[in-house]
Amino acid sequence: MAWNCGKPAARTLTPDEVLSIAEAGQRVGCKEVLFSLGERPELQHALAREHLRRLG
């Protein structure tokens, strides 16, 4: 589920993708992870709003 707000790498991760990244970090000893959508992207981008709505 990708969306682009003018930045080619910008996208919304699915819950499974988030878990996969967190588990990979845990395997190599990471203790913390930060996932960020920025400051209320749903107010600025219709596509982000739709993706977040679908994800619940």
Protein backbone atom coordinates (compact mmCIF):
# COMPACT_ATOMS: atom_id res chain seq x y z
CA MET A 1 0.00 0.00 0.00
CA ALA A 2 2.20 2.82 -1.21
CA TRP A 3 1.46 6.50 -1.61
CA ASN A 4 3.67 9.27 -2.76
CA CYS A 5 3.48 12.85 -1.47
CA GLY A 6 6.12 14.18 -3.82
CA LYS A 7 8.83 12.02 -2.27
CA PRO A 8 9.56 8.76 -4.10
CA ALA A 9 10.29 6.82 -0.88
CA ALA A 10 7.12 7.98 0.93
CA ARG A 11 4.66 5.18 1.59
CA THR A 12 2.37 3.66 4.18
CA LEU A 13 3.43 0.31 5.60
CA THR A 14 0.93 -2.44 6.19
CA PRO A 15 0.71 -3.94 9.69
CA ASP A 16 2.50 -7.07 8.38
CA GLU A 17 5.35 -4.94 7.00
CA VAL A 18 5.70 -3.13 10.35
CA LEU A 19 5.90 -6.47 12.20
CA SER A 20 8.42 -7.84 9.73
CA ILE A 21 10.70 -4.81 10.15
CA ALA A 22 10.38 -4.88 13.95
CA GLU A 23 11.10 -8.62 14.11
CA ALA A 24 14.15 -8.23 11.86
CA GLY A 25 15.44 -5.51 14.17
CA GLN A 26 14.83 -7.68 17.22
CA ARG A 27 16.85 -10.50 15.66
CA VAL A 28 19.89 -8.22 15.42
CA GLY A 29 19.49 -6.80 18.92
CA CYS A 30 17.48 -3.62 18.39
CA LYS A 31 15.51 -2.50 21.45
CA GLU A 32 13.51 0.34 19.90
CA VAL A 33 11.97 1.21 16.55
CA LEU A 34 10.34 4.41 15.33
CA PHE A 35 7.71 4.41 12.63
CA SER A 36 6.38 7.81 11.64
CA LEU A 37 3.86 9.10 9.16
CA GLY A 38 4.82 12.68 9.84
CA GLU A 39 2.56 15.36 11.22
CA ARG A 40 -1.04 14.30 10.46
CA PRO A 41 -0.57 13.26 6.82
CA GLU A 42 -4.29 12.52 6.52
CA LEU A 43 -4.97 16.26 6.68
CA GLN A 44 -2.61 17.01 3.79
CA HIS A 45 -2.91 14.04 1.45
CA ALA A 46 -6.13 12.38 0.27
CA LEU A 47 -4.30 9.16 -0.57
CA ALA A 48 -2.83 8.94 2.94
CA ARG A 49 -6.32 9.53 4.33
CA GLU A 50 -7.70 6.64 2.26
CA HIS A 51 -4.89 4.24 3.21
CA LEU A 52 -5.21 5.05 6.90
CA ARG A 53 -8.99 4.61 6.70
CA ARG A 54 -8.53 1.15 5.15
CA LEU A 55 -5.97 0.17 7.79
CA GLY A 56 -8.34 1.26 10.57
